Amino acid sequence: MPKITYLPQNVTVECADGESVFEVGRRHGIPIDTSCVGKATCGRCRVKIVQGAQFLPPFNDDEKKHLGNVYHVTHVRLSCQSIVTGGDVTVEVPAKRTKRKKS
């Protein structure tokens, strides 16, 4: 069974093949930002792929729409589109964004 490690929380959990980084993280209380709850419409559930990119599907059109074509530079993906298959993955979860107050 594959494992996902979430940084900076340093939490490692098992997941089934075919589960997303997003859904596994949410199930284990990892604070992954979202507005659409994993439907790839908000683009907020970004994570940096630290290790195990070969166990994720190719970068897709939904990700290109929200993130552009800079994956090979940033290694940032949408966690809801990062479906784990066949091996361990390590991701870095950014701090939740907060809305700025207008002055």
PDB file of N, CA and C in Angstrom:
ATOM      1  N   MET A   1       0.845  -1.174   0.000  1.00  0.00           N
ATOM      2  CA  MET A   1       0.000   0.000   0.000  1.00  0.00           C
ATOM      3  C   MET A   1       0.900   1.250   0.000  1.00  0.00           C
ATOM      4  N   PRO A   2       0.633   2.203  -0.912  1.00  0.00           N
ATOM      5  CA  PRO A   2       1.452   3.420  -0.976  1.00  0.00           C
ATOM      6  C   PRO A   2       1.268   4.287   0.273  1.00  0.00           C
ATOM      7  N   LYS A   3       2.236   5.173   0.486  1.00  0.00           N
ATOM      8  CA  LYS A   3       2.177   6.124   1.594  1.00  0.00           C
ATOM      9  C   LYS A   3       2.357   7.530   1.053  1.00  0.00           C
ATOM     10  N   ILE A   4       1.721   8.479   1.734  1.00  0.00           N
ATOM     11  CA  ILE A   4       1.905   9.891   1.418  1.00  0.00           C
ATOM     12  C   ILE A   4       2.479  10.554   2.665  1.00  0.00           C
ATOM     13  N   THR A   5       3.562  11.310   2.475  1.00  0.00           N
ATOM     14  CA  THR A   5       4.132  12.102   3.562  1.00  0.00           C
ATOM     15  C   THR A   5       3.801  13.556   3.290  1.00  0.00           C
ATOM     16  N   TYR A   6       3.232  14.214   4.298  1.00  0.00           N
ATOM     17  CA  TYR A   6       2.858  15.623   4.209  1.00  0.00           C
ATOM     18  C   TYR A   6       3.844  16.435   5.041  1.00  0.00           C
ATOM     19  N   LEU A   7       4.463  17.414   4.386  1.00  0.00           N
ATOM     20  CA  LEU A   7       5.377  18.331   5.051  1.00  0.00           C
ATOM     21  C   LEU A   7       4.721  19.707   5.089  1.00  0.00           C
ATOM     22  N   PRO A   8       4.947  20.577   5.994  1.00  0.00           N
ATOM     23  CA  PRO A   8       5.889  20.487   7.096  1.00  0.00           C
ATOM     24  C   PRO A   8       5.339  19.732   8.309  1.00  0.00           C
ATOM     25  N   GLN A   9       4.133  19.180   8.205  1.00  0.00           N
ATOM     26  CA  GLN A   9       3.536  18.465   9.328  1.00  0.00           C
ATOM     27  C   GLN A   9       4.312  17.194   9.692  1.00  0.00           C
ATOM     28  N   ASN A  10       5.066  16.670   8.726  1.00  0.00           N
ATOM     29  CA  ASN A  10       5.825  15.436   8.909  1.00  0.00           C
ATOM     30  C   ASN A  10       4.913  14.281   9.320  1.00  0.00           C
ATOM     31  N   VAL A  11       3.792  14.170   8.602  1.00  0.00           N
ATOM     32  CA  VAL A  11       2.807  13.110   8.832  1.00  0.00           C
ATOM     33  C   VAL A  11       2.860  12.165   7.637  1.00  0.00           C
ATOM     34  N   THR A  12       3.016  10.874   7.891  1.00  0.00           N
ATOM     35  CA  THR A  12       3.021   9.866   6.838  1.00  0.00           C
ATOM     36  C   THR A  12       1.839   8.929   7.070  1.00  0.00           C
ATOM     37  N   VAL A  13       1.026   8.749   6.023  1.00  0.00           N
ATOM     38  CA  VAL A  13      -0.164   7.897   6.128  1.00  0.00           C
ATOM     39  C   VAL A  13      -0.252   6.980   4.911  1.00  0.00           C
ATOM     40  N   GLU A  14      -0.854   5.829   5.102  1.00  0.00           N
ATOM     41  CA  GLU A  14      -1.090   4.914   3.990  1.00  0.00           C
ATOM     42  C   GLU A  14      -2.309   5.376   3.203  1.00  0.00           C
ATOM     43  N   CYS A  15      -2.302   5.037   1.921  1.00  0.00           N
ATOM     44  CA  CYS A  15      -3.452   5.330   1.079  1.00  0.00           C
ATOM     45  C   CYS A  15      -3.650   4.178   0.107  1.00  0.00           C
ATOM     46  N   ALA A  16      -4.831   4.083  -0.433  1.00  0.00           N
ATOM     47  CA  ALA A  16      -5.109   3.072  -1.452  1.00  0.00           C
ATOM     48  C   ALA A  16      -4.676   3.609  -2.810  1.00  0.00           C
ATOM     49  N   ASP A  17      -4.282   2.717  -3.712  1.00  0.00           N
ATOM     50  CA  ASP A  17      -4.036   3.131  -5.092  1.00  0.00           C
ATOM     51  C   ASP A  17      -5.293   3.817  -5.611  1.00  0.00           C
ATOM     52  N   GLY A  18      -5.110   4.956  -6.275  1.00  0.00           N
ATOM     53  CA  GLY A  18      -6.243   5.666  -6.856  1.00  0.00           C
ATOM     54  C   GLY A  18      -6.824   6.757  -5.980  1.00  0.00           C
ATOM     55  N   GLU A  19      -6.263   6.959  -4.797  1.00  0.00           N
ATOM     56  CA  GLU A  19      -6.727   8.052  -3.942  1.00  0.00           C
ATOM     57  C   GLU A  19      -5.893   9.295  -4.215  1.00  0.00           C
ATOM     58  N   SER A  20      -6.509  10.465  -4.046  1.00  0.00           N
ATOM     59  CA  SER A  20      -5.781  11.711  -4.281  1.00  0.00           C
ATOM     60  C   SER A  20      -5.083  12.174  -3.014  1.00  0.00           C
ATOM     61  N   VAL A  21      -4.027  12.939  -3.219  1.00  0.00           N
ATOM     62  CA  VAL A  21      -3.297  13.562  -2.117  1.00  0.00           C
ATOM     63  C   VAL A  21      -4.266  14.410  -1.294  1.00  0.00           C
ATOM     64  N   PHE A  22      -5.204  15.055  -1.959  1.00  0.00           N
ATOM     65  CA  PHE A  22      -6.190  15.909  -1.302  1.00  0.00           C
ATOM     66  C   PHE A  22      -7.092  15.108  -0.368  1.00  0.00           C
ATOM     67  N   GLU A  23      -7.741  14.065  -0.889  1.00  0.00           N
ATOM     68  CA  GLU A  23      -8.713  13.335  -0.071  1.00  0.00           C
ATOM     69  C   GLU A  23      -8.054  12.615   1.095  1.00  0.00           C
ATOM     70  N   VAL A  24      -6.867  12.086   0.903  1.00  0.00           N
ATOM     71  CA  VAL A  24      -6.161  11.416   1.998  1.00  0.00           C
ATOM     72  C   VAL A  24      -5.756  12.439   3.060  1.00  0.00           C
ATOM     73  N   GLY A  25      -5.257  13.575   2.613  1.00  0.00           N
ATOM     74  CA  GLY A  25      -4.878  14.625   3.557  1.00  0.00           C
ATOM     75  C   GLY A  25      -6.052  15.115   4.379  1.00  0.00           C
ATOM     76  N   ARG A  26      -7.165  15.362   3.729  1.00  0.00           N
ATOM     77  CA  ARG A  26      -8.359  15.831   4.447  1.00  0.00           C
ATOM     78  C   ARG A  26      -8.824  14.806   5.473  1.00  0.00           C
ATOM     79  N   ARG A  27      -8.774  13.538   5.107  1.00  0.00           N
ATOM     80  CA  ARG A  27      -9.202  12.465   6.012  1.00  0.00           C
ATOM     81  C   ARG A  27      -8.332  12.407   7.267  1.00  0.00           C
ATOM     82  N   HIS A  28      -7.071  12.824   7.127  1.00  0.00           N
ATOM     83  CA  HIS A  28      -6.134  12.763   8.249  1.00  0.00           C
ATOM     84  C   HIS A  28      -5.866  14.132   8.881  1.00  0.00           C
ATOM     85  N   GLY A  29      -6.713  15.111   8.582  1.00  0.00           N
ATOM     86  CA  GLY A  29      -6.625  16.412   9.238  1.00  0.00           C
ATOM     87  C   GLY A  29      -5.522  17.331   8.755  1.00  0.00           C
ATOM     88  N   ILE A  30      -4.993  17.074   7.563  1.00  0.00           N
ATOM     89  CA  ILE A  30      -3.969  17.952   6.990  1.00  0.00           C
ATOM     90  C   ILE A  30      -4.679  19.180   6.411  1.00  0.00           C
ATOM     91  N   PRO A  31      -4.264  20.383   6.777  1.00  0.00           N
ATOM     92  CA  PRO A  31      -4.961  21.597   6.341  1.00  0.00           C
ATOM     93  C   PRO A  31      -4.629  22.002   4.893  1.00  0.00           C
ATOM     94  N   ILE A  32      -5.318  21.385   3.950  1.00  0.00           N
ATOM     95  CA  ILE A  32      -5.135  21.717   2.532  1.00  0.00           C
ATOM     96  C   ILE A  32      -6.233  22.700   2.141  1.00  0.00           C
ATOM     97  N   ASP A  33      -5.819  23.861   1.652  1.00  0.00           N
ATOM     98  CA  ASP A  33      -6.743  24.930   1.274  1.00  0.00           C
ATOM     99  C   ASP A  33      -7.638  24.490   0.119  1.00  0.00           C
ATOM    100  N   THR A  34      -8.912  24.874   0.157  1.00  0.00           N
ATOM    101  CA  THR A  34      -9.845  24.550  -0.926  1.00  0.00           C
ATOM    102  C   THR A  34     -11.087  25.415  -0.845  1.00  0.00           C
ATOM    103  N   SER A  35     -11.714  25.615  -1.985  1.00  0.00           N
ATOM    104  CA  SER A  35     -13.037  26.224  -2.051  1.00  0.00           C
ATOM    105  C   SER A  35     -14.012  25.257  -2.698  1.00  0.00           C
ATOM    106  N   CYS A  36     -13.485  24.374  -3.547  1.00  0.00           N
ATOM    107  CA  CYS A  36     -14.350  23.466  -4.323  1.00  0.00           C
ATOM    108  C   CYS A  36     -14.362  22.044  -3.776  1.00  0.00           C
ATOM    109  N   VAL A  37     -13.623  21.787  -2.720  1.00  0.00           N
ATOM    110  CA  VAL A  37     -13.543  20.479  -2.054  1.00  0.00           C
ATOM    111  C   VAL A  37     -13.139  19.373  -3.034  1.00  0.00           C
ATOM    112  N   GLY A  38     -12.095  19.644  -3.801  1.00  0.00           N
ATOM    113  CA  GLY A  38     -11.497  18.600  -4.628  1.00  0.00           C
ATOM    114  C   GLY A  38     -12.083  18.389  -6.007  1.00  0.00           C
ATOM    115  N   LYS A  39     -12.707  19.406  -6.588  1.00  0.00           N
ATOM    116  CA  LYS A  39     -13.300  19.272  -7.930  1.00  0.00           C
ATOM    117  C   LYS A  39     -12.469  19.939  -9.021  1.00  0.00           C
ATOM    118  N   ALA A  40     -11.311  20.467  -8.672  1.00  0.00           N
ATOM    119  CA  ALA A  40     -10.379  21.115  -9.608  1.00  0.00           C
ATOM    120  C   ALA A  40     -10.940  22.378 -10.236  1.00  0.00           C
ATOM    121  N   THR A  41     -11.868  23.047  -9.536  1.00  0.00           N
ATOM    122  CA  THR A  41     -12.412  24.283 -10.096  1.00  0.00           C
ATOM    123  C   THR A  41     -11.861  25.542  -9.432  1.00  0.00           C
ATOM    124  N   CYS A  42     -11.278  25.419  -8.229  1.00  0.00           N
ATOM    125  CA  CYS A  42     -10.795  26.623  -7.543  1.00  0.00           C
ATOM    126  C   CYS A  42      -9.290  26.827  -7.669  1.00  0.00           C
ATOM    127  N   GLY A  43      -8.529  25.753  -7.817  1.00  0.00           N
ATOM    128  CA  GLY A  43      -7.076  25.871  -7.938  1.00  0.00           C
ATOM    129  C   GLY A  43      -6.351  26.194  -6.649  1.00  0.00           C
ATOM    130  N   ARG A  44      -7.006  26.047  -5.515  1.00  0.00           N
ATOM    131  CA  ARG A  44      -6.405  26.447  -4.235  1.00  0.00           C
ATOM    132  C   ARG A  44      -5.674  25.315  -3.519  1.00  0.00           C
ATOM    133  N   CYS A  45      -5.887  24.070  -3.903  1.00  0.00           N
ATOM    134  CA  CYS A  45      -5.324  22.927  -3.156  1.00  0.00           C
ATOM    135  C   CYS A  45      -3.916  22.568  -3.629  1.00  0.00           C
ATOM    136  N   ARG A  46      -3.113  23.567  -3.803  1.00  0.00           N
ATOM    137  CA  ARG A  46      -1.753  23.382  -4.340  1.00  0.00           C
ATOM    138  C   ARG A  46      -0.818  22.737  -3.327  1.00  0.00           C
ATOM    139  N   VAL A  47      -0.013  21.836  -3.819  1.00  0.00           N
ATOM    140  CA  VAL A  47       1.054  21.224  -3.022  1.00  0.00           C
ATOM    141  C   VAL A  47       2.292  21.122  -3.900  1.00  0.00           C
ATOM    142  N   LYS A  48       3.446  21.157  -3.266  1.00  0.00           N
ATOM    143  CA  LYS A  48       4.703  20.970  -3.990  1.00  0.00           C
ATOM    144  C   LYS A  48       5.070  19.495  -3.909  1.00  0.00           C
ATOM    145  N   ILE A  49       5.355  18.887  -5.047  1.00  0.00           N
ATOM    146  CA  ILE A  49       5.753  17.487  -5.083  1.00  0.00           C
ATOM    147  C   ILE A  49       7.242  17.420  -4.757  1.00  0.00           C
ATOM    148  N   VAL A  50       7.573  16.835  -3.616  1.00  0.00           N
ATOM    149  CA  VAL A  50       8.954  16.749  -3.158  1.00  0.00           C
ATOM    150  C   VAL A  50       9.591  15.452  -3.645  1.00  0.00           C
ATOM    151  N   GLN A  51       8.809  14.382  -3.633  1.00  0.00           N
ATOM    152  CA  GLN A  51       9.320  13.067  -4.022  1.00  0.00           C
ATOM    153  C   GLN A  51       8.163  12.204  -4.522  1.00  0.00           C
ATOM    154  N   GLY A  52       8.452  11.338  -5.486  1.00  0.00           N
ATOM    155  CA  GLY A  52       7.458  10.378  -5.950  1.00  0.00           C
ATOM    156  C   GLY A  52       6.582  10.847  -7.098  1.00  0.00           C
ATOM    157  N   ALA A  53       7.013  11.858  -7.834  1.00  0.00           N
ATOM    158  CA  ALA A  53       6.207  12.370  -8.956  1.00  0.00           C
ATOM    159  C   ALA A  53       5.873  11.273  -9.968  1.00  0.00           C
ATOM    160  N   GLN A  54       6.728  10.268 -10.075  1.00  0.00           N
ATOM    161  CA  GLN A  54       6.493   9.182 -11.027  1.00  0.00           C
ATOM    162  C   GLN A  54       5.291   8.329 -10.639  1.00  0.00           C
ATOM    163  N   PHE A  55       4.791   8.488  -9.416  1.00  0.00           N
ATOM    164  CA  PHE A  55       3.626   7.726  -8.963  1.00  0.00           C
ATOM    165  C   PHE A  55       2.336   8.535  -9.052  1.00  0.00           C
ATOM    166  N   LEU A  56       2.402   9.664  -9.775  1.00  0.00           N
ATOM    167  CA  LEU A  56       1.245  10.529 -10.006  1.00  0.00           C
ATOM    168  C   LEU A  56       0.963  10.599 -11.498  1.00  0.00           C
ATOM    169  N   PRO A  57      -0.287  10.891 -11.886  1.00  0.00           N
ATOM    170  CA  PRO A  57      -0.593  11.005 -13.316  1.00  0.00           C
ATOM    171  C   PRO A  57       0.066  12.244 -13.913  1.00  0.00           C
ATOM    172  N   PRO A  58       0.133  12.315 -15.234  1.00  0.00           N
ATOM    173  CA  PRO A  58       0.698  13.511 -15.873  1.00  0.00           C
ATOM    174  C   PRO A  58      -0.090  14.773 -15.521  1.00  0.00           C
ATOM    175  N   PHE A  59       0.598  15.890 -15.530  1.00  0.00           N
ATOM    176  CA  PHE A  59       0.009  17.220 -15.349  1.00  0.00           C
ATOM    177  C   PHE A  59      -1.128  17.362 -16.342  1.00  0.00           C
ATOM    178  N   ASN A  60      -2.335  17.758 -15.896  1.00  0.00           N
ATOM    179  CA  ASN A  60      -3.492  17.767 -16.793  1.00  0.00           C
ATOM    180  C   ASN A  60      -4.001  19.177 -17.111  1.00  0.00           C
ATOM    181  N   ASP A  61      -5.030  19.247 -17.932  1.00  0.00           N
ATOM    182  CA  ASP A  61      -5.562  20.537 -18.379  1.00  0.00           C
ATOM    183  C   ASP A  61      -6.123  21.387 -17.233  1.00  0.00           C
ATOM    184  N   ASP A  62      -6.771  20.755 -16.248  1.00  0.00           N
ATOM    185  CA  ASP A  62      -7.279  21.524 -15.105  1.00  0.00           C
ATOM    186  C   ASP A  62      -6.131  22.194 -14.359  1.00  0.00           C
ATOM    187  N   GLU A  63      -5.026  21.475 -14.220  1.00  0.00           N
ATOM    188  CA  GLU A  63      -3.871  22.045 -13.536  1.00  0.00           C
ATOM    189  C   GLU A  63      -3.240  23.158 -14.364  1.00  0.00           C
ATOM    190  N   LYS A  64      -3.142  22.968 -15.667  1.00  0.00           N
ATOM    191  CA  LYS A  64      -2.590  24.019 -16.540  1.00  0.00           C
ATOM    192  C   LYS A  64      -3.417  25.290 -16.424  1.00  0.00           C
ATOM    193  N   LYS A  65      -4.746  25.131 -16.338  1.00  0.00           N
ATOM    194  CA  LYS A  65      -5.646  26.283 -16.235  1.00  0.00           C
ATOM    195  C   LYS A  65      -5.351  27.102 -14.977  1.00  0.00           C
ATOM    196  N   HIS A  66      -5.097  26.439 -13.865  1.00  0.00           N
ATOM    197  CA  HIS A  66      -4.884  27.132 -12.596  1.00  0.00           C
ATOM    198  C   HIS A  66      -3.429  27.459 -12.300  1.00  0.00           C
ATOM    199  N   LEU A  67      -2.510  26.650 -12.819  1.00  0.00           N
ATOM    200  CA  LEU A  67      -1.111  26.788 -12.439  1.00  0.00           C
ATOM    201  C   LEU A  67      -0.189  27.223 -13.570  1.00  0.00           C
ATOM    202  N   GLY A  68      -0.671  27.206 -14.795  1.00  0.00           N
ATOM    203  CA  GLY A  68       0.187  27.513 -15.929  1.00  0.00           C
ATOM    204  C   GLY A  68       1.043  26.317 -16.300  1.00  0.00           C
ATOM    205  N   ASN A  69       2.047  26.557 -17.080  1.00  0.00           N
ATOM    206  CA  ASN A  69       2.912  25.473 -17.572  1.00  0.00           C
ATOM    207  C   ASN A  69       4.269  25.444 -16.889  1.00  0.00           C
ATOM    208  N   VAL A  70       4.336  25.805 -15.623  1.00  0.00           N
ATOM    209  CA  VAL A  70       5.625  25.898 -14.950  1.00  0.00           C
ATOM    210  C   VAL A  70       5.887  24.737 -13.985  1.00  0.00           C
ATOM    211  N   TYR A  71       5.183  23.638 -14.128  1.00  0.00           N
ATOM    212  CA  TYR A  71       5.356  22.512 -13.214  1.00  0.00           C
ATOM    213  C   TYR A  71       6.818  22.066 -13.127  1.00  0.00           C
ATOM    214  N   HIS A  72       7.508  22.004 -14.255  1.00  0.00           N
ATOM    215  CA  HIS A  72       8.884  21.508 -14.243  1.00  0.00           C
ATOM    216  C   HIS A  72       9.839  22.430 -13.480  1.00  0.00           C
ATOM    217  N   VAL A  73       9.419  23.678 -13.255  1.00  0.00           N
ATOM    218  CA  VAL A  73      10.214  24.623 -12.475  1.00  0.00           C
ATOM    219  C   VAL A  73       9.774  24.608 -11.006  1.00  0.00           C
ATOM    220  N   THR A  74       8.451  24.647 -10.771  1.00  0.00           N
ATOM    221  CA  THR A  74       7.926  24.793  -9.408  1.00  0.00           C
ATOM    222  C   THR A  74       7.603  23.468  -8.716  1.00  0.00           C
ATOM    223  N   HIS A  75       7.292  22.444  -9.481  1.00  0.00           N
ATOM    224  CA  HIS A  75       6.853  21.145  -8.962  1.00  0.00           C
ATOM    225  C   HIS A  75       5.564  21.263  -8.157  1.00  0.00           C
ATOM    226  N   VAL A  76       4.767  22.290  -8.440  1.00  0.00           N
ATOM    227  CA  VAL A  76       3.494  22.501  -7.759  1.00  0.00           C
ATOM    228  C   VAL A  76       2.375  21.878  -8.585  1.00  0.00           C
ATOM    229  N   ARG A  77       1.509  21.140  -7.897  1.00  0.00           N
ATOM    230  CA  ARG A  77       0.357  20.483  -8.520  1.00  0.00           C
ATOM    231  C   ARG A  77      -0.869  20.733  -7.666  1.00  0.00           C
ATOM    232  N   LEU A  78      -2.040  20.473  -8.250  1.00  0.00           N
ATOM    233  CA  LEU A  78      -3.268  20.482  -7.468  1.00  0.00           C
ATOM    234  C   LEU A  78      -3.358  19.139  -6.750  1.00  0.00           C
ATOM    235  N   SER A  79      -3.558  19.172  -5.450  1.00  0.00           N
ATOM    236  CA  SER A  79      -3.593  17.914  -4.692  1.00  0.00           C
ATOM    237  C   SER A  79      -4.797  17.058  -5.080  1.00  0.00           C
ATOM    238  N   CYS A  80      -5.877  17.686  -5.535  1.00  0.00           N
ATOM    239  CA  CYS A  80      -7.062  16.914  -5.930  1.00  0.00           C
ATOM    240  C   CYS A  80      -6.842  16.158  -7.241  1.00  0.00           C
ATOM    241  N   GLN A  81      -5.863  16.567  -8.018  1.00  0.00           N
ATOM    242  CA  GLN A  81      -5.558  15.902  -9.280  1.00  0.00           C
ATOM    243  C   GLN A  81      -4.343  14.985  -9.165  1.00  0.00           C
ATOM    244  N   SER A  82      -3.743  14.966  -7.994  1.00  0.00           N
ATOM    245  CA  SER A  82      -2.556  14.143  -7.747  1.00  0.00           C
ATOM    246  C   SER A  82      -3.004  12.802  -7.180  1.00  0.00           C
ATOM    247  N   ILE A  83      -3.285  11.876  -8.073  1.00  0.00           N
ATOM    248  CA  ILE A  83      -3.797  10.553  -7.729  1.00  0.00           C
ATOM    249  C   ILE A  83      -2.611   9.594  -7.573  1.00  0.00           C
ATOM    250  N   VAL A  84      -2.471   9.028  -6.397  1.00  0.00           N
ATOM    251  CA  VAL A  84      -1.328   8.165  -6.094  1.00  0.00           C
ATOM    252  C   VAL A  84      -1.576   6.760  -6.623  1.00  0.00           C
ATOM    253  N   THR A  85      -0.594   6.260  -7.369  1.00  0.00           N
ATOM    254  CA  THR A  85      -0.679   4.910  -7.913  1.00  0.00           C
ATOM    255  C   THR A  85       0.686   4.237  -7.853  1.00  0.00           C
ATOM    256  N   GLY A  86       0.799   3.223  -7.032  1.00  0.00           N
ATOM    257  CA  GLY A  86       1.958   2.345  -7.084  1.00  0.00           C
ATOM    258  C   GLY A  86       3.178   2.695  -6.278  1.00  0.00           C
ATOM    259  N   GLY A  87       3.192   3.797  -5.547  1.00  0.00           N
ATOM    260  CA  GLY A  87       4.395   4.114  -4.792  1.00  0.00           C
ATOM    261  C   GLY A  87       4.202   5.278  -3.854  1.00  0.00           C
ATOM    262  N   ASP A  88       5.212   5.540  -3.055  1.00  0.00           N
ATOM    263  CA  ASP A  88       5.153   6.582  -2.033  1.00  0.00           C
ATOM    264  C   ASP A  88       5.399   7.970  -2.614  1.00  0.00           C
ATOM    265  N   VAL A  89       4.706   8.945  -2.041  1.00  0.00           N
ATOM    266  CA  VAL A  89       4.780  10.336  -2.493  1.00  0.00           C
ATOM    267  C   VAL A  89       4.995  11.228  -1.272  1.00  0.00           C
ATOM    268  N   THR A  90       5.829  12.249  -1.435  1.00  0.00           N
ATOM    269  CA  THR A  90       6.022  13.262  -0.396  1.00  0.00           C
ATOM    270  C   THR A  90       5.631  14.613  -0.982  1.00  0.00           C
ATOM    271  N   VAL A  91       4.794  15.348  -0.248  1.00  0.00           N
ATOM    272  CA  VAL A  91       4.346  16.668  -0.701  1.00  0.00           C
ATOM    273  C   VAL A  91       4.552  17.695   0.396  1.00  0.00           C
ATOM    274  N   GLU A  92       4.739  18.933  -0.017  1.00  0.00           N
ATOM    275  CA  GLU A  92       4.823  20.049   0.918  1.00  0.00           C
ATOM    276  C   GLU A  92       3.553  20.869   0.782  1.00  0.00           C
ATOM    277  N   VAL A  93       2.844  21.027   1.887  1.00  0.00           N
ATOM    278  CA  VAL A  93       1.585  21.763   1.906  1.00  0.00           C
ATOM    279  C   VAL A  93       1.874  23.193   2.359  1.00  0.00           C
ATOM    280  N   PRO A  94       1.535  24.183   1.519  1.00  0.00           N
ATOM    281  CA  PRO A  94       1.768  25.567   1.949  1.00  0.00           C
ATOM    282  C   PRO A  94       0.787  25.964   3.043  1.00  0.00           C
ATOM    283  N   ALA A  95       1.129  26.992   3.786  1.00  0.00           N
ATOM    284  CA  ALA A  95       0.215  27.530   4.794  1.00  0.00           C
ATOM    285  C   ALA A  95      -1.048  28.012   4.105  1.00  0.00           C
ATOM    286  N   LYS A  96      -2.179  27.889   4.785  1.00  0.00           N
ATOM    287  CA  LYS A  96      -3.444  28.356   4.208  1.00  0.00           C
ATOM    288  C   LYS A  96      -3.363  29.844   3.918  1.00  0.00           C
ATOM    289  N   ARG A  97      -3.927  30.209   2.785  1.00  0.00           N
ATOM    290  CA  ARG A  97      -3.973  31.626   2.429  1.00  0.00           C
ATOM    291  C   ARG A  97      -5.038  32.303   3.271  1.00  0.00           C
ATOM    292  N   THR A  98      -4.774  33.543   3.614  1.00  0.00           N
ATOM    293  CA  THR A  98      -5.787  34.321   4.336  1.00  0.00           C
ATOM    294  C   THR A  98      -6.159  35.507   3.476  1.00  0.00           C
ATOM    295  N   LYS A  99      -7.401  35.918   3.611  1.00  0.00           N
ATOM    296  CA  LYS A  99      -7.848  37.079   2.847  1.00  0.00           C
ATOM    297  C   LYS A  99      -7.296  38.347   3.501  1.00  0.00           C
ATOM    298  N   ARG A 100      -6.876  39.259   2.637  1.00  0.00           N
ATOM    299  CA  ARG A 100      -6.394  40.548   3.135  1.00  0.00           C
ATOM    300  C   ARG A 100      -7.591  41.435   3.443  1.00  0.00           C
ATOM    301  N   LYS A 101      -7.463  42.160   4.523  1.00  0.00           N
ATOM    302  CA  LYS A 101      -8.504  43.129   4.858  1.00  0.00           C
ATOM    303  C   LYS A 101      -8.272  44.371   4.024  1.00  0.00           C
ATOM    304  N   LYS A 102      -9.366  44.893   3.483  1.00  0.00           N
ATOM    305  CA  LYS A 102      -9.268  46.156   2.729  1.00  0.00           C
ATOM    306  C   LYS A 102      -9.191  47.300   3.705  1.00  0.00           C
ATOM    307  N   SER A 103      -8.294  48.243   3.412  1.00  0.00           N
ATOM    308  CA  SER A 103      -8.190  49.382   4.323  1.00  0.00           C
ATOM    309  C   SER A 103      -8.879  50.599   3.785  1.00  0.00           C
TER     310      SER A 103
END
